Amino acid sequence: MVGLVLLSGSTVALAQSARDSINVVGSSTVYPFTTTVAEQFGRGGKFKTPKVEATGTGGGIKLFCNGVGPQFPDIANASRRMNANEFAACQKNGVKDIVEVKVGYDGILLAQSKAGATLAPTRKDVYLALAKNVPDPANPMNLIPNPYVTWKDVNKSLPAVKIEVLGPPPTSGTRDSFVELYMEAGCRTFAWLNGLRAQDEPRFKRACDTVREDGSYVEAGENDNLIVQKLSANKDAVGVFGYSFLEENLDKLKGAVVDGVSPTYETVSSGKYPASRPLFIYVKKQHINVIPGIAEFVAEYTSEKALGEEGYLADKGLVPPLKSEIGKIRDDAKTMKPLKL
């Protein structure tokens, strides 16, 4: 009975001090899509336009999981799925009912200025270009500090231009996806390193995930537009970001062919592009009916006019969910089905 009284009191306190608009944090990749939905939602006139901030996936989920109450965000954008440690942190801090909504797909691209030499690497090439330590060509069972200066040093079929990759920092979900989809995939082409996954995962992670720090990889922050500007100014540099940013900047940039596959709407949506990934929003169910408009905002986000193949988010470069999964996504969003990990 005491527990019920305390719970009731905390709910009343939350309601009394609640904000009058939705607060969203998280992924810079998902940011433009959520911002578009927020603006459309605000124009409806019934609720205030939600506040959306780009803090990076990891940073956003941490803020989201810090607790329940108006001082904490209601929704987190994420360019990867919430992991078990993050979910546990949410639970520990009282964020018990988390609703996961898949909002579409994106591809992690290597993009260049249209004026640059055409780059068509494999993911093995990307790993060898950017890992801090790589297999010794003379003895592949040993790792040595990365000696490669140009892409041609990595693979003779690639152009003789300096390796200079502009990408997101460790707090970004795009960085997490890049490490998984490029670095680890390339690393696993070496049989002994692939075997480490089962034998000694921490060692595997150190060998495959650690990015070189000698200037060949430059952390360009969470601002993908800044990367676009830098690529336009440096024709030899390569940028790492989501498909939607290439779609918005096709007048300036081109996407590198990876493992023989070009980044297009069709290859990303079908999964043929080797670095495709799902995108999510996470909703704090405990804030529904306390912060105005959360359920209605999620309904707008998952509506046909937003998330359909001809929806306004597709115009922004989002690859919408597959027809085979959109029904379940909408049902789970409508019922606010809690996530289980």
C-alpha atoms as a PDB file:
ATOM      1  CA  MET A   1       0.000   0.000   0.000  1.00  0.00           C
ATOM      2  CA  VAL A   2       2.884   2.337   0.861  1.00  0.00           C
ATOM      3  CA  GLY A   3       4.406   1.616  -2.534  1.00  0.00           C
ATOM      4  CA  LEU A   4       1.161   2.587  -4.230  1.00  0.00           C
ATOM      5  CA  VAL A   5       0.989   5.829  -2.275  1.00  0.00           C
ATOM      6  CA  LEU A   6       4.555   6.711  -3.194  1.00  0.00           C
ATOM      7  CA  LEU A   7       3.946   5.923  -6.845  1.00  0.00           C
ATOM      8  CA  SER A   8       0.790   7.987  -6.875  1.00  0.00           C
ATOM      9  CA  GLY A   9       2.586  10.887  -5.215  1.00  0.00           C
ATOM     10  CA  SER A  10       5.437  10.801  -7.710  1.00  0.00           C
ATOM     11  CA  THR A  11       2.968  10.767 -10.602  1.00  0.00           C
ATOM     12  CA  VAL A  12       1.124  13.773  -9.190  1.00  0.00           C
ATOM     13  CA  ALA A  13       4.415  15.622  -8.672  1.00  0.00           C
ATOM     14  CA  LEU A  14       5.457  14.844 -12.249  1.00  0.00           C
ATOM     15  CA  ALA A  15       2.120  16.058 -13.586  1.00  0.00           C
ATOM     16  CA  GLN A  16       2.202  19.258 -11.547  1.00  0.00           C
ATOM     17  CA  SER A  17       5.676  20.229 -12.778  1.00  0.00           C
ATOM     18  CA  ALA A  18       5.354  18.893 -16.322  1.00  0.00           C
ATOM     19  CA  ARG A  19       6.511  20.695 -19.441  1.00  0.00           C
ATOM     20  CA  ASP A  20       3.948  21.694 -22.047  1.00  0.00           C
ATOM     21  CA  SER A  21       5.961  20.395 -25.029  1.00  0.00           C
ATOM     22  CA  ILE A  22       7.848  17.263 -26.013  1.00  0.00           C
ATOM     23  CA  ASN A  23      11.642  17.091 -25.623  1.00  0.00           C
ATOM     24  CA  VAL A  24      13.599  14.878 -28.050  1.00  0.00           C
ATOM     25  CA  VAL A  25      17.370  14.206 -28.012  1.00  0.00           C
ATOM     26  CA  GLY A  26      19.757  11.856 -29.790  1.00  0.00           C
ATOM     27  CA  SER A  27      21.061  10.843 -33.201  1.00  0.00           C
ATOM     28  CA  SER A  28      22.177  13.487 -35.690  1.00  0.00           C
ATOM     29  CA  THR A  29      21.148  11.083 -38.480  1.00  0.00           C
ATOM     30  CA  VAL A  30      17.575  10.772 -37.231  1.00  0.00           C
ATOM     31  CA  TYR A  31      17.469  14.470 -36.230  1.00  0.00           C
ATOM     32  CA  PRO A  32      16.298  15.874 -39.624  1.00  0.00           C
ATOM     33  CA  PHE A  33      13.497  13.305 -39.858  1.00  0.00           C
ATOM     34  CA  THR A  34      12.243  13.905 -36.322  1.00  0.00           C
ATOM     35  CA  THR A  35      12.537  17.665 -36.816  1.00  0.00           C
ATOM     36  CA  THR A  36      10.385  17.408 -39.945  1.00  0.00           C
ATOM     37  CA  VAL A  37       7.742  15.413 -38.067  1.00  0.00           C
ATOM     38  CA  ALA A  38       7.916  17.894 -35.174  1.00  0.00           C
ATOM     39  CA  GLU A  39       7.302  20.848 -37.499  1.00  0.00           C
ATOM     40  CA  GLN A  40       4.385  19.081 -39.186  1.00  0.00           C
ATOM     41  CA  PHE A  41       2.989  18.124 -35.780  1.00  0.00           C
ATOM     42  CA  GLY A  42       3.276  21.679 -34.466  1.00  0.00           C
ATOM     43  CA  ARG A  43       1.463  23.077 -37.494  1.00  0.00           C
ATOM     44  CA  GLY A  44      -1.571  21.028 -36.478  1.00  0.00           C
ATOM     45  CA  GLY A  45      -2.174  23.619 -33.771  1.00  0.00           C
ATOM     46  CA  LYS A  46      -3.300  21.291 -31.001  1.00  0.00           C
ATOM     47  CA  PHE A  47       0.152  20.821 -29.447  1.00  0.00           C
ATOM     48  CA  LYS A  48       3.343  22.845 -29.299  1.00  0.00           C
ATOM     49  CA  THR A  49       6.152  21.982 -31.709  1.00  0.00           C
ATOM     50  CA  PRO A  50       8.492  19.488 -29.991  1.00  0.00           C
ATOM     51  CA  LYS A  51      12.030  20.577 -29.180  1.00  0.00           C
ATOM     52  CA  VAL A  52      14.566  18.357 -30.982  1.00  0.00           C
ATOM     53  CA  GLU A  53      18.298  18.329 -30.194  1.00  0.00           C
ATOM     54  CA  ALA A  54      21.143  16.450 -31.928  1.00  0.00           C
ATOM     55  CA  THR A  55      23.306  15.039 -29.136  1.00  0.00           C
ATOM     56  CA  GLY A  56      24.445  11.811 -30.790  1.00  0.00           C
ATOM     57  CA  THR A  57      22.825   8.428 -30.204  1.00  0.00           C
ATOM     58  CA  GLY A  58      24.910   7.430 -27.189  1.00  0.00           C
ATOM     59  CA  GLY A  59      24.603  10.832 -25.537  1.00  0.00           C
ATOM     60  CA  GLY A  60      20.880  11.005 -26.248  1.00  0.00           C
ATOM     61  CA  ILE A  61      20.114   7.569 -24.827  1.00  0.00           C
ATOM     62  CA  LYS A  62      22.133   8.425 -21.715  1.00  0.00           C
ATOM     63  CA  LEU A  63      20.067  11.590 -21.187  1.00  0.00           C
ATOM     64  CA  PHE A  64      16.861   9.658 -21.869  1.00  0.00           C
ATOM     65  CA  CYS A  65      17.806   6.944 -19.372  1.00  0.00           C
ATOM     66  CA  ASN A  66      18.829   9.311 -16.581  1.00  0.00           C
ATOM     67  CA  GLY A  67      15.357   9.303 -15.059  1.00  0.00           C
ATOM     68  CA  VAL A  68      11.636  10.048 -15.155  1.00  0.00           C
ATOM     69  CA  GLY A  69      10.331  13.600 -14.840  1.00  0.00           C
ATOM     70  CA  PRO A  70      10.082  16.849 -16.815  1.00  0.00           C
ATOM     71  CA  GLN A  71      13.825  17.484 -16.486  1.00  0.00           C
ATOM     72  CA  PHE A  72      14.504  14.360 -18.576  1.00  0.00           C
ATOM     73  CA  PRO A  73      13.801  13.839 -22.323  1.00  0.00           C
ATOM     74  CA  ASP A  74      10.638  12.103 -23.492  1.00  0.00           C
ATOM     75  CA  ILE A  75      12.029  10.593 -26.694  1.00  0.00           C
ATOM     76  CA  ALA A  76      15.483   9.546 -27.924  1.00  0.00           C
ATOM     77  CA  ASN A  77      16.461   9.356 -31.589  1.00  0.00           C
ATOM     78  CA  ALA A  78      18.852   6.474 -32.327  1.00  0.00           C
ATOM     79  CA  SER A  79      20.766   5.362 -35.394  1.00  0.00           C
ATOM     80  CA  ARG A  80      21.304   1.942 -33.841  1.00  0.00           C
ATOM     81  CA  ARG A  81      19.343  -0.236 -31.449  1.00  0.00           C
ATOM     82  CA  MET A  82      19.558   0.463 -27.720  1.00  0.00           C
ATOM     83  CA  ASN A  83      22.043  -2.001 -26.238  1.00  0.00           C
ATOM     84  CA  ALA A  84      21.690  -4.140 -23.121  1.00  0.00           C
ATOM     85  CA  ASN A  85      23.863  -1.881 -20.949  1.00  0.00           C
ATOM     86  CA  GLU A  86      21.816   1.187 -21.892  1.00  0.00           C
ATOM     87  CA  PHE A  87      18.579  -0.678 -21.259  1.00  0.00           C
ATOM     88  CA  ALA A  88      19.867  -1.750 -17.822  1.00  0.00           C
ATOM     89  CA  ALA A  89      20.837   1.860 -17.021  1.00  0.00           C
ATOM     90  CA  CYS A  90      17.306   2.959 -17.906  1.00  0.00           C
ATOM     91  CA  GLN A  91      15.823   0.316 -15.611  1.00  0.00           C
ATOM     92  CA  LYS A  92      18.173   1.243 -12.769  1.00  0.00           C
ATOM     93  CA  ASN A  93      17.097   4.889 -13.020  1.00  0.00           C
ATOM     94  CA  GLY A  94      13.396   4.089 -13.005  1.00  0.00           C
ATOM     95  CA  VAL A  95      12.773   4.310 -16.753  1.00  0.00           C
ATOM     96  CA  LYS A  96      10.854   1.050 -16.809  1.00  0.00           C
ATOM     97  CA  ASP A  97       8.619   1.122 -19.894  1.00  0.00           C
ATOM     98  CA  ILE A  98      10.517   1.990 -23.071  1.00  0.00           C
ATOM     99  CA  VAL A  99       8.757   1.852 -26.428  1.00  0.00           C
ATOM    100  CA  GLU A 100      10.953   1.122 -29.450  1.00  0.00           C
ATOM    101  CA  VAL A 101       9.720   2.403 -32.813  1.00  0.00           C
ATOM    102  CA  LYS A 102      11.630   1.566 -35.980  1.00  0.00           C
ATOM    103  CA  VAL A 103      11.233   4.543 -38.303  1.00  0.00           C
ATOM    104  CA  GLY A 104      13.140   3.326 -41.362  1.00  0.00           C
ATOM    105  CA  TYR A 105      16.567   2.546 -42.719  1.00  0.00           C
ATOM    106  CA  ASP A 106      19.754   4.322 -43.591  1.00  0.00           C
ATOM    107  CA  GLY A 107      23.041   3.389 -45.217  1.00  0.00           C
ATOM    108  CA  ILE A 108      26.432   4.292 -43.765  1.00  0.00           C
ATOM    109  CA  LEU A 109      28.269   5.787 -46.718  1.00  0.00           C
ATOM    110  CA  LEU A 110      31.732   6.782 -47.738  1.00  0.00           C
ATOM    111  CA  ALA A 111      31.160   9.966 -49.724  1.00  0.00           C
ATOM    112  CA  GLN A 112      33.473  12.200 -51.736  1.00  0.00           C
ATOM    113  CA  SER A 113      33.454  15.439 -53.639  1.00  0.00           C
ATOM    114  CA  LYS A 114      32.309  14.960 -57.214  1.00  0.00           C
ATOM    115  CA  ALA A 115      35.698  16.359 -58.224  1.00  0.00           C
ATOM    116  CA  GLY A 116      37.609  13.611 -56.393  1.00  0.00           C
ATOM    117  CA  ALA A 117      39.134  10.412 -57.766  1.00  0.00           C
ATOM    118  CA  THR A 118      36.575   7.604 -57.731  1.00  0.00           C
ATOM    119  CA  LEU A 119      36.909   5.335 -54.702  1.00  0.00           C
ATOM    120  CA  ALA A 120      35.505   1.805 -54.760  1.00  0.00           C
ATOM    121  CA  PRO A 121      36.906  -0.022 -51.713  1.00  0.00           C
ATOM    122  CA  THR A 122      35.929  -3.252 -50.070  1.00  0.00           C
ATOM    123  CA  ARG A 123      35.201  -3.211 -46.350  1.00  0.00           C
ATOM    124  CA  LYS A 124      38.530  -5.009 -45.904  1.00  0.00           C
ATOM    125  CA  ASP A 125      40.201  -2.015 -47.577  1.00  0.00           C
ATOM    126  CA  VAL A 126      38.416   0.378 -45.188  1.00  0.00           C
ATOM    127  CA  TYR A 127      39.536  -1.634 -42.158  1.00  0.00           C
ATOM    128  CA  LEU A 128      43.139  -1.681 -43.383  1.00  0.00           C
ATOM    129  CA  ALA A 129      43.018   2.047 -44.100  1.00  0.00           C
ATOM    130  CA  LEU A 130      41.641   3.088 -40.719  1.00  0.00           C
ATOM    131  CA  ALA A 131      42.492   0.530 -38.022  1.00  0.00           C
ATOM    132  CA  LYS A 132      45.095   1.585 -35.491  1.00  0.00           C
ATOM    133  CA  ASN A 133      46.867  -1.769 -35.848  1.00  0.00           C
ATOM    134  CA  VAL A 134      46.637  -4.058 -38.878  1.00  0.00           C
ATOM    135  CA  PRO A 135      47.943  -7.483 -39.916  1.00  0.00           C
ATOM    136  CA  ASP A 136      51.584  -7.402 -40.987  1.00  0.00           C
ATOM    137  CA  PRO A 137      51.742  -8.109 -44.764  1.00  0.00           C
ATOM    138  CA  ALA A 138      54.865 -10.201 -44.118  1.00  0.00           C
ATOM    139  CA  ASN A 139      53.249 -12.138 -41.267  1.00  0.00           C
ATOM    140  CA  PRO A 140      49.459 -11.676 -41.182  1.00  0.00           C
ATOM    141  CA  MET A 141      49.193 -13.393 -37.796  1.00  0.00           C
ATOM    142  CA  ASN A 142      50.889 -10.362 -36.198  1.00  0.00           C
ATOM    143  CA  LEU A 143      49.431  -6.875 -35.804  1.00  0.00           C
ATOM    144  CA  ILE A 144      51.590  -3.834 -36.475  1.00  0.00           C
ATOM    145  CA  PRO A 145      50.950  -0.063 -36.277  1.00  0.00           C
ATOM    146  CA  ASN A 146      49.087   0.990 -39.417  1.00  0.00           C
ATOM    147  CA  PRO A 147      51.727   1.830 -42.071  1.00  0.00           C
ATOM    148  CA  TYR A 148      49.386   2.848 -44.894  1.00  0.00           C
ATOM    149  CA  VAL A 149      49.483   6.445 -46.128  1.00  0.00           C
ATOM    150  CA  THR A 150      47.458   6.315 -49.350  1.00  0.00           C
ATOM    151  CA  TRP A 151      44.513   4.230 -50.517  1.00  0.00           C
ATOM    152  CA  LYS A 152      46.801   2.698 -53.139  1.00  0.00           C
ATOM    153  CA  ASP A 153      49.056   1.437 -50.336  1.00  0.00           C
ATOM    154  CA  VAL A 154      46.062  -0.520 -49.041  1.00  0.00           C
ATOM    155  CA  ASN A 155      44.963  -1.881 -52.419  1.00  0.00           C
ATOM    156  CA  LYS A 156      46.787  -1.286 -55.707  1.00  0.00           C
ATOM    157  CA  SER A 157      43.460  -0.893 -57.528  1.00  0.00           C
ATOM    158  CA  LEU A 158      42.575   2.193 -55.454  1.00  0.00           C
ATOM    159  CA  PRO A 159      43.739   5.758 -56.221  1.00  0.00           C
ATOM    160  CA  ALA A 160      47.073   7.082 -54.958  1.00  0.00           C
ATOM    161  CA  VAL A 161      45.521   9.731 -52.718  1.00  0.00           C
ATOM    162  CA  LYS A 162      46.174  10.294 -49.028  1.00  0.00           C
ATOM    163  CA  ILE A 163      43.881   8.486 -46.595  1.00  0.00           C
ATOM    164  CA  GLU A 164      41.856  11.254 -44.959  1.00  0.00           C
ATOM    165  CA  VAL A 165      38.468  10.264 -43.592  1.00  0.00           C
ATOM    166  CA  LEU A 166      36.151  12.711 -41.837  1.00  0.00           C
ATOM    167  CA  GLY A 167      33.747  10.957 -39.525  1.00  0.00           C
ATOM    168  CA  PRO A 168      31.664  11.076 -36.368  1.00  0.00           C
ATOM    169  CA  PRO A 169      32.968  10.814 -32.779  1.00  0.00           C
ATOM    170  CA  PRO A 170      32.476   7.804 -30.454  1.00  0.00           C
ATOM    171  CA  THR A 171      29.238   9.268 -28.997  1.00  0.00           C
ATOM    172  CA  SER A 172      27.541   8.969 -32.383  1.00  0.00           C
ATOM    173  CA  GLY A 173      25.371   6.042 -33.429  1.00  0.00           C
ATOM    174  CA  THR A 174      26.777   6.520 -36.917  1.00  0.00           C
ATOM    175  CA  ARG A 175      30.256   5.858 -35.490  1.00  0.00           C
ATOM    176  CA  ASP A 176      28.959   2.695 -33.760  1.00  0.00           C
ATOM    177  CA  SER A 177      27.399   1.500 -37.003  1.00  0.00           C
ATOM    178  CA  PHE A 178      30.503   2.387 -39.014  1.00  0.00           C
ATOM    179  CA  VAL A 179      32.685   0.362 -36.664  1.00  0.00           C
ATOM    180  CA  GLU A 180      30.346  -2.624 -36.827  1.00  0.00           C
ATOM    181  CA  LEU A 181      29.476  -2.541 -40.528  1.00  0.00           C
ATOM    182  CA  TYR A 182      32.871  -1.545 -41.933  1.00  0.00           C
ATOM    183  CA  MET A 183      35.691  -2.059 -39.449  1.00  0.00           C
ATOM    184  CA  GLU A 184      34.547  -5.337 -37.930  1.00  0.00           C
ATOM    185  CA  ALA A 185      33.310  -6.699 -41.266  1.00  0.00           C
ATOM    186  CA  GLY A 186      36.682  -5.928 -42.873  1.00  0.00           C
ATOM    187  CA  CYS A 187      38.585  -7.295 -39.910  1.00  0.00           C
ATOM    188  CA  ARG A 188      36.704 -10.592 -40.057  1.00  0.00           C
ATOM    189  CA  THR A 189      38.064 -11.265 -43.552  1.00  0.00           C
ATOM    190  CA  PHE A 190      41.219 -12.364 -41.715  1.00  0.00           C
ATOM    191  CA  ALA A 191      40.383 -15.856 -40.438  1.00  0.00           C
ATOM    192  CA  TRP A 192      42.382 -15.650 -37.213  1.00  0.00           C
ATOM    193  CA  LEU A 193      40.845 -12.308 -36.268  1.00  0.00           C
ATOM    194  CA  ASN A 194      37.377 -13.637 -37.061  1.00  0.00           C
ATOM    195  CA  GLY A 195      38.094 -16.559 -34.725  1.00  0.00           C
ATOM    196  CA  LEU A 196      38.823 -14.163 -31.879  1.00  0.00           C
ATOM    197  CA  ARG A 197      35.145 -13.184 -31.673  1.00  0.00           C
ATOM    198  CA  ALA A 198      34.312 -16.465 -29.945  1.00  0.00           C
ATOM    199  CA  GLN A 199      37.661 -16.995 -28.221  1.00  0.00           C
ATOM    200  CA  ASP A 200      38.463 -13.545 -26.809  1.00  0.00           C
ATOM    201  CA  GLU A 201      35.894 -10.875 -27.669  1.00  0.00           C
ATOM    202  CA  PRO A 202      37.672  -7.996 -25.846  1.00  0.00           C
ATOM    203  CA  ARG A 203      40.820  -8.689 -27.847  1.00  0.00           C
ATOM    204  CA  PHE A 204      38.753  -8.929 -31.041  1.00  0.00           C
ATOM    205  CA  LYS A 205      37.185  -5.529 -30.270  1.00  0.00           C
ATOM    206  CA  ARG A 206      40.581  -3.939 -29.607  1.00  0.00           C
ATOM    207  CA  ALA A 207      42.000  -5.319 -32.843  1.00  0.00           C
ATOM    208  CA  CYS A 208      39.031  -4.544 -35.064  1.00  0.00           C
ATOM    209  CA  ASP A 209      37.317  -1.486 -33.586  1.00  0.00           C
ATOM    210  CA  THR A 210      40.199   0.786 -32.612  1.00  0.00           C
ATOM    211  CA  VAL A 211      40.557   3.614 -35.137  1.00  0.00           C
ATOM    212  CA  ARG A 212      43.966   5.114 -35.878  1.00  0.00           C
ATOM    213  CA  GLU A 213      44.813   8.444 -34.235  1.00  0.00           C
ATOM    214  CA  ASP A 214      47.521   9.777 -36.549  1.00  0.00           C
ATOM    215  CA  GLY A 215      45.312  12.152 -38.534  1.00  0.00           C
ATOM    216  CA  SER A 216      44.059   9.715 -41.170  1.00  0.00           C
ATOM    217  CA  TYR A 217      40.688   9.642 -39.381  1.00  0.00           C
ATOM    218  CA  VAL A 218      39.424  13.049 -38.281  1.00  0.00           C
ATOM    219  CA  GLU A 219      36.548  13.324 -35.821  1.00  0.00           C
ATOM    220  CA  ALA A 220      34.307  15.974 -37.370  1.00  0.00           C
ATOM    221  CA  GLY A 221      31.684  16.154 -34.631  1.00  0.00           C
ATOM    222  CA  GLU A 222      27.958  15.461 -34.847  1.00  0.00           C
ATOM    223  CA  ASN A 223      27.346  18.056 -37.581  1.00  0.00           C
ATOM    224  CA  ASP A 224      27.044  16.166 -40.865  1.00  0.00           C
ATOM    225  CA  ASN A 225      26.576  19.429 -42.764  1.00  0.00           C
ATOM    226  CA  LEU A 226      30.083  20.426 -41.649  1.00  0.00           C
ATOM    227  CA  ILE A 227      31.465  17.212 -43.163  1.00  0.00           C
ATOM    228  CA  VAL A 228      29.685  18.037 -46.433  1.00  0.00           C
ATOM    229  CA  GLN A 229      31.324  21.483 -46.455  1.00  0.00           C
ATOM    230  CA  LYS A 230      34.767  20.026 -45.797  1.00  0.00           C
ATOM    231  CA  LEU A 231      34.385  17.438 -48.551  1.00  0.00           C
ATOM    232  CA  SER A 232      33.410  20.177 -50.981  1.00  0.00           C
ATOM    233  CA  ALA A 233      36.598  22.039 -50.052  1.00  0.00           C
ATOM    234  CA  ASN A 234      38.900  18.976 -50.175  1.00  0.00           C
ATOM    235  CA  LYS A 235      38.356  16.718 -53.181  1.00  0.00           C
ATOM    236  CA  ASP A 236      40.620  13.967 -51.791  1.00  0.00           C
ATOM    237  CA  ALA A 237      38.900  13.609 -48.412  1.00  0.00           C
ATOM    238  CA  VAL A 238      36.253  10.987 -47.674  1.00  0.00           C
ATOM    239  CA  GLY A 239      33.289  11.504 -45.332  1.00  0.00           C
ATOM    240  CA  VAL A 240      31.290   9.036 -43.258  1.00  0.00           C
ATOM    241  CA  PHE A 241      27.576   9.755 -42.836  1.00  0.00           C
ATOM    242  CA  GLY A 242      24.094   8.498 -43.570  1.00  0.00           C
ATOM    243  CA  TYR A 243      22.452   8.007 -46.955  1.00  0.00           C
ATOM    244  CA  SER A 244      20.022  10.873 -46.407  1.00  0.00           C
ATOM    245  CA  PHE A 245      22.855  13.418 -46.381  1.00  0.00           C
ATOM    246  CA  LEU A 246      24.152  12.114 -49.710  1.00  0.00           C
ATOM    247  CA  GLU A 247      20.609  12.342 -51.097  1.00  0.00           C
ATOM    248  CA  GLU A 248      20.419  15.986 -50.020  1.00  0.00           C
ATOM    249  CA  ASN A 249      23.836  16.861 -51.489  1.00  0.00           C
ATOM    250  CA  LEU A 250      24.011  15.017 -54.807  1.00  0.00           C
ATOM    251  CA  ASP A 251      24.935  18.278 -56.503  1.00  0.00           C
ATOM    252  CA  LYS A 252      28.218  18.288 -54.551  1.00  0.00           C
ATOM    253  CA  LEU A 253      28.962  14.694 -53.554  1.00  0.00           C
ATOM    254  CA  LYS A 254      29.095  11.138 -54.821  1.00  0.00           C
ATOM    255  CA  GLY A 255      28.884   7.927 -52.812  1.00  0.00           C
ATOM    256  CA  ALA A 256      31.696   5.395 -52.980  1.00  0.00           C
ATOM    257  CA  VAL A 257      30.883   1.939 -54.306  1.00  0.00           C
ATOM    258  CA  VAL A 258      31.465  -0.518 -51.414  1.00  0.00           C
ATOM    259  CA  ASP A 259      32.027  -4.229 -52.028  1.00  0.00           C
ATOM    260  CA  GLY A 260      30.839  -3.596 -55.581  1.00  0.00           C
ATOM    261  CA  VAL A 261      27.475  -2.078 -54.567  1.00  0.00           C
ATOM    262  CA  SER A 262      26.460   1.542 -55.137  1.00  0.00           C
ATOM    263  CA  PRO A 263      24.522   3.336 -52.384  1.00  0.00           C
ATOM    264  CA  THR A 264      21.018   3.916 -53.738  1.00  0.00           C
ATOM    265  CA  TYR A 265      17.512   4.003 -52.284  1.00  0.00           C
ATOM    266  CA  GLU A 266      16.907   0.518 -53.695  1.00  0.00           C
ATOM    267  CA  THR A 267      20.123  -1.085 -52.407  1.00  0.00           C
ATOM    268  CA  VAL A 268      19.715   0.414 -48.933  1.00  0.00           C
ATOM    269  CA  SER A 269      16.029  -0.549 -48.563  1.00  0.00           C
ATOM    270  CA  SER A 270      16.610  -4.081 -49.825  1.00  0.00           C
ATOM    271  CA  GLY A 271      19.680  -4.651 -47.651  1.00  0.00           C
ATOM    272  CA  LYS A 272      21.894  -5.271 -50.693  1.00  0.00           C
ATOM    273  CA  TYR A 273      24.073  -2.342 -49.745  1.00  0.00           C
ATOM    274  CA  PRO A 274      26.564  -3.879 -47.280  1.00  0.00           C
ATOM    275  CA  ALA A 275      26.282  -1.077 -44.711  1.00  0.00           C
ATOM    276  CA  SER A 276      22.523  -0.677 -44.289  1.00  0.00           C
ATOM    277  CA  ARG A 277      21.103  -0.104 -40.778  1.00  0.00           C
ATOM    278  CA  PRO A 278      17.720   0.470 -39.087  1.00  0.00           C
ATOM    279  CA  LEU A 279      16.825   3.770 -37.392  1.00  0.00           C
ATOM    280  CA  PHE A 280      14.729   4.132 -34.235  1.00  0.00           C
ATOM    281  CA  ILE A 281      13.034   6.442 -31.794  1.00  0.00           C
ATOM    282  CA  TYR A 282      12.622   5.417 -28.141  1.00  0.00           C
ATOM    283  CA  VAL A 283       9.626   6.699 -26.193  1.00  0.00           C
ATOM    284  CA  LYS A 284       9.347   7.022 -22.392  1.00  0.00           C
ATOM    285  CA  LYS A 285       5.928   5.494 -21.750  1.00  0.00           C
ATOM    286  CA  GLN A 286       5.830   6.919 -18.213  1.00  0.00           C
ATOM    287  CA  HIS A 287       5.658  10.437 -19.718  1.00  0.00           C
ATOM    288  CA  ILE A 288       2.560   9.706 -21.820  1.00  0.00           C
ATOM    289  CA  ASN A 289      -0.522  11.511 -20.489  1.00  0.00           C
ATOM    290  CA  VAL A 290       1.815  13.740 -18.471  1.00  0.00           C
ATOM    291  CA  ILE A 291       3.725  15.573 -21.203  1.00  0.00           C
ATOM    292  CA  PRO A 292       1.094  16.654 -23.759  1.00  0.00           C
ATOM    293  CA  GLY A 293       1.022  15.066 -27.190  1.00  0.00           C
ATOM    294  CA  ILE A 294       3.521  12.178 -26.978  1.00  0.00           C
ATOM    295  CA  ALA A 295       1.123   9.482 -28.229  1.00  0.00           C
ATOM    296  CA  GLU A 296      -0.156  11.811 -30.939  1.00  0.00           C
ATOM    297  CA  PHE A 297       3.386  12.678 -32.019  1.00  0.00           C
ATOM    298  CA  VAL A 298       4.286   8.989 -32.379  1.00  0.00           C
ATOM    299  CA  ALA A 299       1.077   8.456 -34.354  1.00  0.00           C
ATOM    300  CA  GLU A 300       2.095  11.269 -36.707  1.00  0.00           C
ATOM    301  CA  TYR A 301       5.598   9.801 -37.067  1.00  0.00           C
ATOM    302  CA  THR A 302       4.284   6.348 -38.023  1.00  0.00           C
ATOM    303  CA  SER A 303       1.425   7.576 -40.233  1.00  0.00           C
ATOM    304  CA  GLU A 304       1.256   6.786 -43.926  1.00  0.00           C
ATOM    305  CA  LYS A 305       1.678  10.465 -44.824  1.00  0.00           C
ATOM    306  CA  ALA A 306       4.989  10.538 -42.930  1.00  0.00           C
ATOM    307  CA  LEU A 307       6.404   7.019 -43.089  1.00  0.00           C
ATOM    308  CA  GLY A 308       4.827   5.697 -46.276  1.00  0.00           C
ATOM    309  CA  GLU A 309       6.749   5.134 -49.494  1.00  0.00           C
ATOM    310  CA  GLU A 310       5.382   8.439 -50.801  1.00  0.00           C
ATOM    311  CA  GLY A 311       5.476  10.137 -47.403  1.00  0.00           C
ATOM    312  CA  TYR A 312       7.124  13.412 -46.559  1.00  0.00           C
ATOM    313  CA  LEU A 313      10.023  11.672 -44.771  1.00  0.00           C
ATOM    314  CA  ALA A 314      10.929   9.832 -47.982  1.00  0.00           C
ATOM    315  CA  ASP A 315      11.279  13.269 -49.577  1.00  0.00           C
ATOM    316  CA  LYS A 316      13.859  14.022 -46.861  1.00  0.00           C
ATOM    317  CA  GLY A 317      15.902  10.940 -47.753  1.00  0.00           C
ATOM    318  CA  LEU A 318      14.578   8.415 -45.232  1.00  0.00           C
ATOM    319  CA  VAL A 319      14.269   4.876 -46.561  1.00  0.00           C
ATOM    320  CA  PRO A 320      10.885   3.832 -45.069  1.00  0.00           C
ATOM    321  CA  PRO A 321      10.228   0.492 -43.363  1.00  0.00           C
ATOM    322  CA  LEU A 322       9.418  -2.474 -45.565  1.00  0.00           C
ATOM    323  CA  LYS A 323       5.769  -3.143 -46.381  1.00  0.00           C
ATOM    324  CA  SER A 324       6.077  -6.463 -44.555  1.00  0.00           C
ATOM    325  CA  GLU A 325       6.941  -4.765 -41.244  1.00  0.00           C
ATOM    326  CA  ILE A 326       5.093  -1.438 -41.265  1.00  0.00           C
ATOM    327  CA  GLY A 327       1.883  -2.981 -39.898  1.00  0.00           C
ATOM    328  CA  LYS A 328       3.613  -4.346 -36.798  1.00  0.00           C
ATOM    329  CA  ILE A 329       5.498  -1.076 -36.307  1.00  0.00           C
ATOM    330  CA  ARG A 330       2.231   0.866 -36.294  1.00  0.00           C
ATOM    331  CA  ASP A 331       0.473  -1.640 -34.032  1.00  0.00           C
ATOM    332  CA  ASP A 332       3.307  -1.586 -31.481  1.00  0.00           C
ATOM    333  CA  ALA A 333       3.421   2.219 -31.610  1.00  0.00           C
ATOM    334  CA  LYS A 334      -0.336   2.501 -31.137  1.00  0.00           C
ATOM    335  CA  THR A 335      -0.389   0.139 -28.161  1.00  0.00           C
ATOM    336  CA  MET A 336       2.944   1.519 -26.835  1.00  0.00           C
ATOM    337  CA  LYS A 337       4.283  -1.992 -26.419  1.00  0.00           C
ATOM    338  CA  PRO A 338       7.286  -1.906 -24.030  1.00  0.00           C
ATOM    339  CA  LEU A 339      10.679  -3.066 -25.252  1.00  0.00           C
ATOM    340  CA  LYS A 340      12.170  -6.252 -23.797  1.00  0.00           C
ATOM    341  CA  LEU A 341      15.896  -6.997 -24.037  1.00  0.00           C
END
